[in-house]
């Protein structure tokens, strides 16, 4: 059924109790659903869908980009190629790549990289770096000192001066 409203909008209703309201300028279409969801179709090709139950708004752009706004202020961007970007309420940003790698940037400047193979690299604002693999954990200091702890418990420290210190379970070698 079609109705013309006093504000020059056109209302079309269907048998399932949903309706479609077309703006007077014919540029915006709004579809309210019986469950409270609302879909807006804009003239520029954007589609804005509000999920009433979860209070999530999803905007889909003609390029295929989807931007979700969550009630806790989290924002997630889903790019057509599979890349995702999430901005958390504390301003932490996480990038998820289609190959399975991840990069997380924390508000204090710490950056964590995760490779698809599970290796982790952490860059700290003070210049230190940690590398975690299945074989070892390594911490690199800005002064050149490198401390490596292997899975068998062996610890190896290489100082900037060239000195090496090796610690086995029960003995220390200098």
N, C-alpha and C. Protein backbone atom coordinates (compact mmCIF):
# COMPACT_ATOMS: atom_id res chain seq x y z
N UNK A 1 0.83 -1.18 0.00
CA UNK A 1 0.00 0.00 0.00
C UNK A 1 0.87 1.24 0.00
N UNK A 2 0.43 2.24 -0.70
CA UNK A 2 1.20 3.48 -0.80
C UNK A 2 0.37 4.62 -0.23
N UNK A 3 1.05 5.43 0.62
CA UNK A 3 0.40 6.59 1.23
C UNK A 3 1.32 7.79 1.01
N UNK A 4 0.71 8.96 0.77
CA UNK A 4 1.49 10.19 0.70
C UNK A 4 1.26 10.94 2.00
N UNK A 5 2.36 11.25 2.70
CA UNK A 5 2.28 11.89 4.00
C UNK A 5 2.23 13.40 3.84
N UNK A 6 1.79 14.10 4.88
CA UNK A 6 1.65 15.55 4.82
C UNK A 6 2.99 16.27 4.61
N UNK A 7 4.12 15.63 4.93
CA UNK A 7 5.43 16.26 4.74
C UNK A 7 6.00 15.93 3.36
N UNK A 8 5.16 15.48 2.44
CA UNK A 8 5.53 15.12 1.06
C UNK A 8 6.32 13.84 0.95
N UNK A 9 6.44 13.08 2.03
CA UNK A 9 7.12 11.79 1.97
C UNK A 9 6.14 10.74 1.47
N UNK A 10 6.67 9.69 0.91
CA UNK A 10 5.88 8.61 0.38
C UNK A 10 6.08 7.40 1.29
N UNK A 11 5.01 6.81 1.82
CA UNK A 11 5.07 5.65 2.70
C UNK A 11 4.49 4.45 1.97
N UNK A 12 5.30 3.40 1.85
CA UNK A 12 4.83 2.16 1.24
C UNK A 12 4.89 1.10 2.32
N UNK A 13 3.78 0.41 2.58
CA UNK A 13 3.77 -0.65 3.59
C UNK A 13 3.54 -1.99 2.91
N UNK A 14 4.06 -3.03 3.57
CA UNK A 14 3.89 -4.38 3.02
C UNK A 14 3.10 -5.22 4.02
N UNK A 15 2.81 -6.43 3.65
CA UNK A 15 1.99 -7.30 4.49
C UNK A 15 2.71 -7.77 5.75
N UNK A 16 4.07 -7.72 5.78
CA UNK A 16 4.79 -8.17 6.97
C UNK A 16 5.01 -7.04 7.97
N UNK A 17 4.25 -5.98 7.84
CA UNK A 17 4.24 -4.84 8.76
C UNK A 17 5.48 -3.97 8.69
N UNK A 18 6.31 -4.16 7.69
CA UNK A 18 7.41 -3.21 7.50
C UNK A 18 6.93 -2.17 6.52
N UNK A 19 7.56 -1.03 6.57
CA UNK A 19 7.19 0.03 5.65
C UNK A 19 8.44 0.65 5.09
N UNK A 20 8.30 1.35 3.98
CA UNK A 20 9.44 2.07 3.42
C UNK A 20 8.99 3.50 3.22
N UNK A 21 9.73 4.42 3.83
CA UNK A 21 9.42 5.83 3.70
C UNK A 21 10.46 6.44 2.77
N UNK A 22 9.98 7.08 1.72
CA UNK A 22 10.87 7.76 0.79
C UNK A 22 10.73 9.25 1.03
N UNK A 23 11.86 9.94 1.16
CA UNK A 23 11.84 11.37 1.44
C UNK A 23 11.22 12.13 0.26
N UNK A 24 10.80 13.34 0.53
CA UNK A 24 10.14 14.17 -0.48
C UNK A 24 11.03 14.38 -1.69
N UNK A 25 12.33 14.50 -1.48
CA UNK A 25 13.25 14.72 -2.60
C UNK A 25 13.67 13.40 -3.26
N UNK A 26 13.10 12.27 -2.80
CA UNK A 26 13.34 10.94 -3.35
C UNK A 26 14.79 10.47 -3.17
N UNK A 27 15.56 11.12 -2.27
CA UNK A 27 16.98 10.78 -2.11
C UNK A 27 17.26 9.83 -0.96
N UNK A 28 16.36 9.74 0.00
CA UNK A 28 16.58 8.88 1.16
C UNK A 28 15.39 7.96 1.34
N UNK A 29 15.71 6.68 1.57
CA UNK A 29 14.66 5.72 1.86
C UNK A 29 14.91 5.17 3.25
N UNK A 30 13.87 5.07 4.06
CA UNK A 30 13.98 4.55 5.42
C UNK A 30 13.03 3.37 5.56
N UNK A 31 13.58 2.26 6.09
CA UNK A 31 12.76 1.07 6.30
C UNK A 31 12.81 0.73 7.79
N UNK A 32 11.72 0.98 8.52
CA UNK A 32 11.66 0.55 9.92
C UNK A 32 11.13 -0.89 9.98
N UNK A 33 11.75 -1.71 10.80
CA UNK A 33 11.34 -3.11 10.92
C UNK A 33 10.57 -3.32 12.22
N UNK A 34 9.77 -4.37 12.27
CA UNK A 34 8.91 -4.65 13.43
C UNK A 34 9.73 -4.89 14.70
N UNK A 35 11.01 -5.32 14.59
CA UNK A 35 11.83 -5.58 15.77
C UNK A 35 12.58 -4.34 16.27
N UNK A 36 12.33 -3.20 15.64
CA UNK A 36 12.97 -1.94 16.06
C UNK A 36 14.16 -1.55 15.21
N UNK A 37 14.66 -2.48 14.37
CA UNK A 37 15.77 -2.15 13.48
C UNK A 37 15.31 -1.08 12.48
N UNK A 38 16.27 -0.28 12.01
CA UNK A 38 15.97 0.75 11.02
C UNK A 38 17.06 0.74 9.97
N UNK A 39 16.65 0.78 8.72
CA UNK A 39 17.59 0.81 7.60
C UNK A 39 17.35 2.09 6.81
N UNK A 40 18.46 2.86 6.63
CA UNK A 40 18.40 4.08 5.83
C UNK A 40 19.23 3.85 4.57
N UNK A 41 18.64 4.12 3.42
CA UNK A 41 19.36 4.03 2.16
C UNK A 41 19.50 5.46 1.65
N UNK A 42 20.75 5.94 1.57
CA UNK A 42 20.99 7.33 1.24
C UNK A 42 21.30 7.51 -0.25
N UNK A 43 21.15 8.71 -0.72
CA UNK A 43 21.33 9.02 -2.13
C UNK A 43 22.73 8.72 -2.63
N UNK A 44 23.73 8.86 -1.76
CA UNK A 44 25.11 8.63 -2.19
C UNK A 44 25.48 7.14 -2.21
N UNK A 45 24.51 6.28 -1.94
CA UNK A 45 24.75 4.84 -2.00
C UNK A 45 25.07 4.21 -0.65
N UNK A 46 25.24 5.03 0.39
CA UNK A 46 25.49 4.49 1.73
C UNK A 46 24.22 3.85 2.26
N UNK A 47 24.43 2.78 3.04
CA UNK A 47 23.32 2.14 3.73
C UNK A 47 23.67 2.15 5.21
N UNK A 48 22.80 2.74 6.03
CA UNK A 48 23.01 2.81 7.47
C UNK A 48 21.94 1.93 8.11
N UNK A 49 22.41 0.89 8.83
CA UNK A 49 21.49 -0.05 9.46
C UNK A 49 21.70 0.00 10.96
N UNK A 50 20.63 0.25 11.69
CA UNK A 50 20.66 0.28 13.15
C UNK A 50 20.01 -0.99 13.68
N UNK A 51 20.80 -1.76 14.45
CA UNK A 51 20.29 -2.98 15.08
C UNK A 51 19.80 -2.61 16.48
N UNK A 52 18.50 -2.58 16.66
CA UNK A 52 17.91 -2.11 17.92
C UNK A 52 18.28 -3.01 19.10
N UNK A 53 18.29 -4.32 18.91
CA UNK A 53 18.56 -5.25 20.01
C UNK A 53 19.95 -5.07 20.60
N UNK A 54 20.95 -4.88 19.76
CA UNK A 54 22.33 -4.75 20.24
C UNK A 54 22.81 -3.30 20.25
N UNK A 55 22.01 -2.38 19.72
CA UNK A 55 22.33 -0.95 19.64
C UNK A 55 23.62 -0.71 18.84
N UNK A 56 23.81 -1.49 17.79
CA UNK A 56 24.95 -1.35 16.90
C UNK A 56 24.48 -0.68 15.61
N UNK A 57 25.27 0.28 15.13
CA UNK A 57 24.98 0.91 13.85
C UNK A 57 26.04 0.48 12.86
N UNK A 58 25.61 -0.01 11.72
CA UNK A 58 26.53 -0.45 10.66
C UNK A 58 26.28 0.41 9.42
N UNK A 59 27.33 1.10 8.99
CA UNK A 59 27.25 1.90 7.77
C UNK A 59 28.05 1.19 6.69
N UNK A 60 27.40 0.90 5.57
CA UNK A 60 28.06 0.25 4.44
C UNK A 60 28.18 1.28 3.32
N UNK A 61 29.41 1.48 2.84
CA UNK A 61 29.69 2.45 1.79
C UNK A 61 29.68 1.75 0.43
N UNK A 62 29.47 2.50 -0.65
CA UNK A 62 29.46 1.90 -1.98
C UNK A 62 30.76 1.14 -2.31
N UNK A 63 31.86 1.55 -1.71
CA UNK A 63 33.15 0.88 -1.94
C UNK A 63 33.21 -0.51 -1.30
N UNK A 64 32.25 -0.81 -0.42
CA UNK A 64 32.25 -2.09 0.29
C UNK A 64 32.73 -1.97 1.73
N UNK A 65 33.28 -0.81 2.10
CA UNK A 65 33.73 -0.57 3.47
C UNK A 65 32.52 -0.60 4.41
N UNK A 66 32.66 -1.33 5.53
CA UNK A 66 31.63 -1.34 6.56
C UNK A 66 32.21 -0.73 7.82
N UNK A 67 31.48 0.19 8.46
CA UNK A 67 31.91 0.80 9.71
C UNK A 67 30.83 0.52 10.75
N UNK A 68 31.26 -0.17 11.84
CA UNK A 68 30.32 -0.50 12.91
C UNK A 68 30.61 0.35 14.13
N UNK A 69 29.57 0.91 14.71
CA UNK A 69 29.66 1.69 15.95
C UNK A 69 28.92 0.92 17.03
N UNK A 70 29.65 0.58 18.10
CA UNK A 70 29.08 -0.18 19.20
C UNK A 70 28.68 0.76 20.34
N UNK A 71 27.76 0.34 21.20
CA UNK A 71 27.30 1.22 22.28
C UNK A 71 28.40 1.60 23.27
N UNK A 72 29.48 0.80 23.38
CA UNK A 72 30.56 1.13 24.31
C UNK A 72 31.59 2.07 23.68
N UNK A 73 31.27 2.64 22.51
CA UNK A 73 32.12 3.59 21.76
C UNK A 73 33.20 2.89 20.94
N UNK A 74 33.21 1.57 20.87
CA UNK A 74 34.14 0.85 20.01
C UNK A 74 33.71 1.07 18.56
N UNK A 75 34.70 1.24 17.68
CA UNK A 75 34.43 1.41 16.25
C UNK A 75 35.24 0.37 15.49
N UNK A 76 34.60 -0.33 14.58
CA UNK A 76 35.28 -1.34 13.79
C UNK A 76 35.06 -1.04 12.31
N UNK A 77 36.18 -1.03 11.55
CA UNK A 77 36.10 -0.85 10.11
C UNK A 77 36.48 -2.16 9.45
N UNK A 78 35.63 -2.62 8.53
CA UNK A 78 35.87 -3.85 7.78
C UNK A 78 36.04 -3.47 6.31
N UNK A 79 37.27 -3.62 5.83
CA UNK A 79 37.58 -3.24 4.47
C UNK A 79 37.26 -4.37 3.50
N UNK A 80 36.95 -4.05 2.24
CA UNK A 80 36.57 -5.07 1.27
C UNK A 80 37.62 -6.18 1.09
N UNK A 81 38.89 -5.88 1.21
CA UNK A 81 39.94 -6.88 1.03
C UNK A 81 40.13 -7.80 2.21
N UNK A 82 39.38 -7.58 3.30
CA UNK A 82 39.48 -8.44 4.48
C UNK A 82 40.21 -7.80 5.64
N UNK A 83 40.84 -6.65 5.44
CA UNK A 83 41.54 -5.96 6.53
C UNK A 83 40.49 -5.38 7.49
N UNK A 84 40.80 -5.46 8.80
CA UNK A 84 39.91 -4.88 9.81
C UNK A 84 40.69 -3.94 10.70
N UNK A 85 40.05 -2.90 11.14
CA UNK A 85 40.65 -1.91 12.05
C UNK A 85 39.65 -1.69 13.18
N UNK A 86 40.11 -1.87 14.42
CA UNK A 86 39.23 -1.71 15.57
C UNK A 86 39.81 -0.64 16.48
N UNK A 87 38.99 0.35 16.82
CA UNK A 87 39.39 1.38 17.78
C UNK A 87 38.56 1.12 19.03
N UNK A 88 39.26 0.78 20.12
CA UNK A 88 38.60 0.46 21.38
C UNK A 88 38.32 1.73 22.17
N UNK A 89 37.42 1.67 23.16
CA UNK A 89 37.08 2.87 23.94
C UNK A 89 38.29 3.55 24.59
N UNK A 90 39.34 2.78 24.95
CA UNK A 90 40.52 3.39 25.58
C UNK A 90 41.51 3.93 24.54
N UNK A 91 41.09 3.96 23.26
CA UNK A 91 41.88 4.44 22.12
C UNK A 91 42.97 3.48 21.66
N UNK A 92 42.97 2.24 22.16
CA UNK A 92 43.83 1.20 21.60
C UNK A 92 43.33 0.91 20.19
N UNK A 93 44.26 0.75 19.25
CA UNK A 93 43.89 0.47 17.86
C UNK A 93 44.48 -0.88 17.47
N UNK A 94 43.64 -1.73 16.90
CA UNK A 94 44.10 -3.05 16.45
C UNK A 94 43.82 -3.18 14.95
N UNK A 95 44.87 -3.60 14.21
CA UNK A 95 44.75 -3.86 12.78
C UNK A 95 44.86 -5.36 12.57
N UNK A 96 43.88 -5.94 11.91
CA UNK A 96 43.86 -7.36 11.60
C UNK A 96 43.97 -7.51 10.08
N UNK A 97 44.99 -8.21 9.63
CA UNK A 97 45.24 -8.36 8.20
C UNK A 97 44.67 -9.68 7.70
N UNK A 98 44.34 -9.76 6.41
CA UNK A 98 43.80 -11.00 5.85
C UNK A 98 44.75 -12.20 5.99
N UNK A 99 46.07 -11.95 6.06
CA UNK A 99 47.03 -13.05 6.18
C UNK A 99 47.14 -13.60 7.59
N UNK A 100 46.39 -13.01 8.54
CA UNK A 100 46.41 -13.48 9.92
C UNK A 100 47.32 -12.68 10.83
N UNK A 101 48.08 -11.74 10.28
CA UNK A 101 48.94 -10.91 11.12
C UNK A 101 48.11 -9.82 11.80
N UNK A 102 48.64 -9.34 12.93
CA UNK A 102 47.95 -8.31 13.71
C UNK A 102 48.96 -7.27 14.16
N UNK A 103 48.47 -6.04 14.31
CA UNK A 103 49.28 -4.98 14.91
C UNK A 103 48.36 -4.22 15.85
N UNK A 104 48.82 -4.05 17.10
CA UNK A 104 48.03 -3.34 18.11
C UNK A 104 48.85 -2.18 18.62
N UNK A 105 48.25 -0.99 18.62
CA UNK A 105 48.92 0.21 19.11
C UNK A 105 48.17 0.66 20.37
N UNK A 106 48.88 0.68 21.50
CA UNK A 106 48.29 1.06 22.78
C UNK A 106 48.45 2.56 23.01
N UNK A 107 47.60 3.15 23.83
CA UNK A 107 47.67 4.60 24.07
C UNK A 107 49.03 5.07 24.60
N UNK A 108 49.78 4.21 25.30
CA UNK A 108 51.09 4.62 25.83
C UNK A 108 52.20 4.54 24.78
N UNK A 109 51.85 4.13 23.55
CA UNK A 109 52.83 4.05 22.48
C UNK A 109 53.40 2.66 22.25
N UNK A 110 53.07 1.71 23.09
CA UNK A 110 53.52 0.33 22.90
C UNK A 110 52.85 -0.24 21.66
N UNK A 111 53.65 -0.93 20.83
CA UNK A 111 53.12 -1.55 19.61
C UNK A 111 53.43 -3.04 19.65
N UNK A 112 52.41 -3.86 19.45
CA UNK A 112 52.56 -5.32 19.44
C UNK A 112 52.25 -5.83 18.04
N UNK A 113 53.20 -6.57 17.46
CA UNK A 113 53.03 -7.19 16.15
C UNK A 113 52.91 -8.69 16.36
N UNK A 114 51.91 -9.32 15.78
CA UNK A 114 51.77 -10.77 15.79
C UNK A 114 51.82 -11.27 14.35
N UNK A 115 52.71 -12.22 14.08
CA UNK A 115 52.80 -12.78 12.74
C UNK A 115 51.83 -13.94 12.61
N UNK A 116 51.51 -14.32 11.38
CA UNK A 116 50.61 -15.47 11.20
C UNK A 116 51.16 -16.76 11.82
N UNK A 117 52.49 -16.86 11.97
CA UNK A 117 53.09 -18.06 12.55
C UNK A 117 53.08 -18.03 14.08
N UNK A 118 52.61 -16.92 14.68
CA UNK A 118 52.52 -16.84 16.13
C UNK A 118 53.66 -16.11 16.80
N UNK A 119 54.64 -15.65 16.03
CA UNK A 119 55.73 -14.87 16.62
C UNK A 119 55.21 -13.49 17.00
N UNK A 120 55.71 -13.00 18.13
CA UNK A 120 55.24 -11.72 18.65
C UNK A 120 56.43 -10.78 18.85
N UNK A 121 56.27 -9.53 18.41
CA UNK A 121 57.29 -8.52 18.63
C UNK A 121 56.60 -7.33 19.31
N UNK A 122 57.20 -6.88 20.42
CA UNK A 122 56.64 -5.77 21.18
C UNK A 122 57.66 -4.63 21.18
N UNK A 123 57.26 -3.48 20.67
CA UNK A 123 58.10 -2.28 20.69
C UNK A 123 57.57 -1.36 21.78
N UNK A 124 58.43 -1.03 22.74
CA UNK A 124 58.04 -0.17 23.86
C UNK A 124 58.45 1.27 23.57
N UNK A 125 57.75 2.23 24.16
CA UNK A 125 58.07 3.64 23.93
C UNK A 125 59.49 4.03 24.37
N UNK A 126 60.08 3.29 25.32
CA UNK A 126 61.43 3.63 25.80
C UNK A 126 62.53 3.07 24.90
N UNK A 127 62.13 2.45 23.76
CA UNK A 127 63.11 1.93 22.82
C UNK A 127 63.40 0.45 22.98
N UNK A 128 62.92 -0.17 24.03
CA UNK A 128 63.13 -1.61 24.20
C UNK A 128 62.24 -2.38 23.23
N UNK A 129 62.71 -3.58 22.88
CA UNK A 129 61.94 -4.45 22.01
C UNK A 129 62.00 -5.86 22.58
N UNK A 130 60.86 -6.54 22.54
CA UNK A 130 60.80 -7.96 22.92
C UNK A 130 60.35 -8.76 21.72
N UNK A 131 60.99 -9.92 21.57
CA UNK A 131 60.62 -10.83 20.49
C UNK A 131 60.32 -12.18 21.14
N UNK A 132 59.14 -12.71 20.88
CA UNK A 132 58.72 -13.99 21.44
C UNK A 132 58.50 -14.96 20.28
N UNK A 133 59.20 -16.08 20.30
CA UNK A 133 59.00 -17.14 19.31
C UNK A 133 58.75 -18.44 20.07
N UNK A 134 58.58 -19.51 19.35
CA UNK A 134 58.40 -20.81 20.01
C UNK A 134 59.72 -21.32 20.59
N UNK A 135 60.85 -20.75 20.18
CA UNK A 135 62.17 -21.19 20.62
C UNK A 135 62.76 -20.35 21.76
N UNK A 136 62.40 -19.08 21.82
CA UNK A 136 63.02 -18.18 22.80
C UNK A 136 62.18 -16.92 23.00
N UNK A 137 62.55 -16.18 24.06
CA UNK A 137 62.07 -14.82 24.30
C UNK A 137 63.31 -13.95 24.39
N UNK A 138 63.29 -12.84 23.66
CA UNK A 138 64.46 -11.96 23.62
C UNK A 138 64.03 -10.53 23.91
N UNK A 139 64.86 -9.87 24.74
CA UNK A 139 64.63 -8.45 25.04
C UNK A 139 65.86 -7.69 24.58
N UNK A 140 65.64 -6.68 23.74
CA UNK A 140 66.71 -5.84 23.22
C UNK A 140 66.57 -4.45 23.82
N UNK A 141 67.63 -3.98 24.46
CA UNK A 141 67.62 -2.66 25.07
C UNK A 141 68.23 -1.64 24.12
N UNK A 142 67.88 -0.37 24.25
CA UNK A 142 68.44 0.67 23.39
C UNK A 142 69.97 0.79 23.50
N UNK A 143 70.54 0.39 24.64
CA UNK A 143 72.00 0.48 24.81
C UNK A 143 72.74 -0.66 24.13
N UNK A 144 72.02 -1.59 23.48
CA UNK A 144 72.64 -2.70 22.78
C UNK A 144 72.65 -4.01 23.55
N UNK A 145 72.25 -4.00 24.81
CA UNK A 145 72.19 -5.23 25.60
C UNK A 145 71.04 -6.10 25.08
N UNK A 146 71.32 -7.40 24.91
CA UNK A 146 70.31 -8.34 24.43
C UNK A 146 70.27 -9.53 25.38
N UNK A 147 69.09 -9.79 25.95
CA UNK A 147 68.92 -10.94 26.84
C UNK A 147 67.95 -11.91 26.18
N UNK A 148 68.40 -13.17 26.06
CA UNK A 148 67.58 -14.20 25.43
C UNK A 148 67.36 -15.33 26.42
N UNK A 149 66.12 -15.76 26.56
CA UNK A 149 65.77 -16.89 27.40
C UNK A 149 65.20 -17.96 26.48
N UNK A 150 65.85 -19.13 26.47
CA UNK A 150 65.44 -20.23 25.61
C UNK A 150 64.45 -21.13 26.34
N UNK A 151 63.73 -21.93 25.60
CA UNK A 151 62.70 -22.80 26.18
C UNK A 151 63.27 -23.83 27.14
N UNK A 152 64.55 -24.18 27.01
CA UNK A 152 65.16 -25.16 27.92
C UNK A 152 65.65 -24.51 29.22
N UNK A 153 65.40 -23.19 29.38
CA UNK A 153 65.79 -22.50 30.60
C UNK A 153 67.11 -21.76 30.51
N UNK A 154 67.86 -21.99 29.46
CA UNK A 154 69.14 -21.31 29.29
C UNK A 154 68.91 -19.82 29.05
N UNK A 155 69.74 -18.99 29.73
CA UNK A 155 69.66 -17.54 29.57
C UNK A 155 71.00 -17.03 29.04
N UNK A 156 70.92 -16.15 28.09
CA UNK A 156 72.13 -15.60 27.48
C UNK A 156 71.97 -14.09 27.43
N UNK A 157 72.94 -13.38 28.03
CA UNK A 157 72.92 -11.92 28.00
C UNK A 157 74.16 -11.44 27.28
N UNK A 158 73.97 -10.65 26.22
CA UNK A 158 75.06 -10.03 25.47
C UNK A 158 75.01 -8.54 25.77
N UNK A 159 76.07 -8.05 26.40
CA UNK A 159 76.14 -6.64 26.76
C UNK A 159 76.73 -5.83 25.61
N UNK A 160 76.48 -4.54 25.62
CA UNK A 160 76.98 -3.65 24.58
C UNK A 160 78.51 -3.66 24.54
N UNK A 161 79.15 -3.93 25.65
CA UNK A 161 80.61 -3.96 25.72
C UNK A 161 81.20 -5.19 25.02
N UNK A 162 80.35 -6.15 24.68
CA UNK A 162 80.82 -7.38 24.05
C UNK A 162 80.85 -8.55 25.01
N UNK A 163 80.73 -8.26 26.29
CA UNK A 163 80.73 -9.33 27.29
C UNK A 163 79.48 -10.19 27.13
N UNK A 164 79.63 -11.49 27.32
CA UNK A 164 78.51 -12.43 27.21
C UNK A 164 78.38 -13.19 28.52
N UNK A 165 77.17 -13.29 29.01
CA UNK A 165 76.90 -14.03 30.24
C UNK A 165 75.90 -15.12 29.91
N UNK A 166 76.25 -16.37 30.23
CA UNK A 166 75.35 -17.50 29.96
C UNK A 166 75.00 -18.14 31.29
N UNK A 167 73.72 -18.33 31.50
CA UNK A 167 73.23 -18.95 32.72
C UNK A 167 72.49 -20.22 32.35
N UNK A 168 73.04 -21.35 32.80
CA UNK A 168 72.34 -22.62 32.62
C UNK A 168 71.51 -22.83 33.90
N UNK A 169 70.85 -23.95 34.02
CA UNK A 169 70.01 -24.21 35.21
C UNK A 169 70.80 -24.09 36.50
N UNK A 170 71.99 -24.67 36.56
CA UNK A 170 72.72 -24.71 37.82
C UNK A 170 74.07 -24.00 37.78
N UNK A 171 74.44 -23.38 36.68
CA UNK A 171 75.75 -22.74 36.63
C UNK A 171 75.70 -21.46 35.82
N UNK A 172 76.64 -20.58 36.07
CA UNK A 172 76.76 -19.32 35.36
C UNK A 172 78.13 -19.28 34.68
N UNK A 173 78.15 -18.93 33.39
CA UNK A 173 79.40 -18.78 32.65
C UNK A 173 79.55 -17.31 32.27
N UNK A 174 80.73 -16.76 32.59
CA UNK A 174 80.96 -15.34 32.26
C UNK A 174 82.10 -15.23 31.28
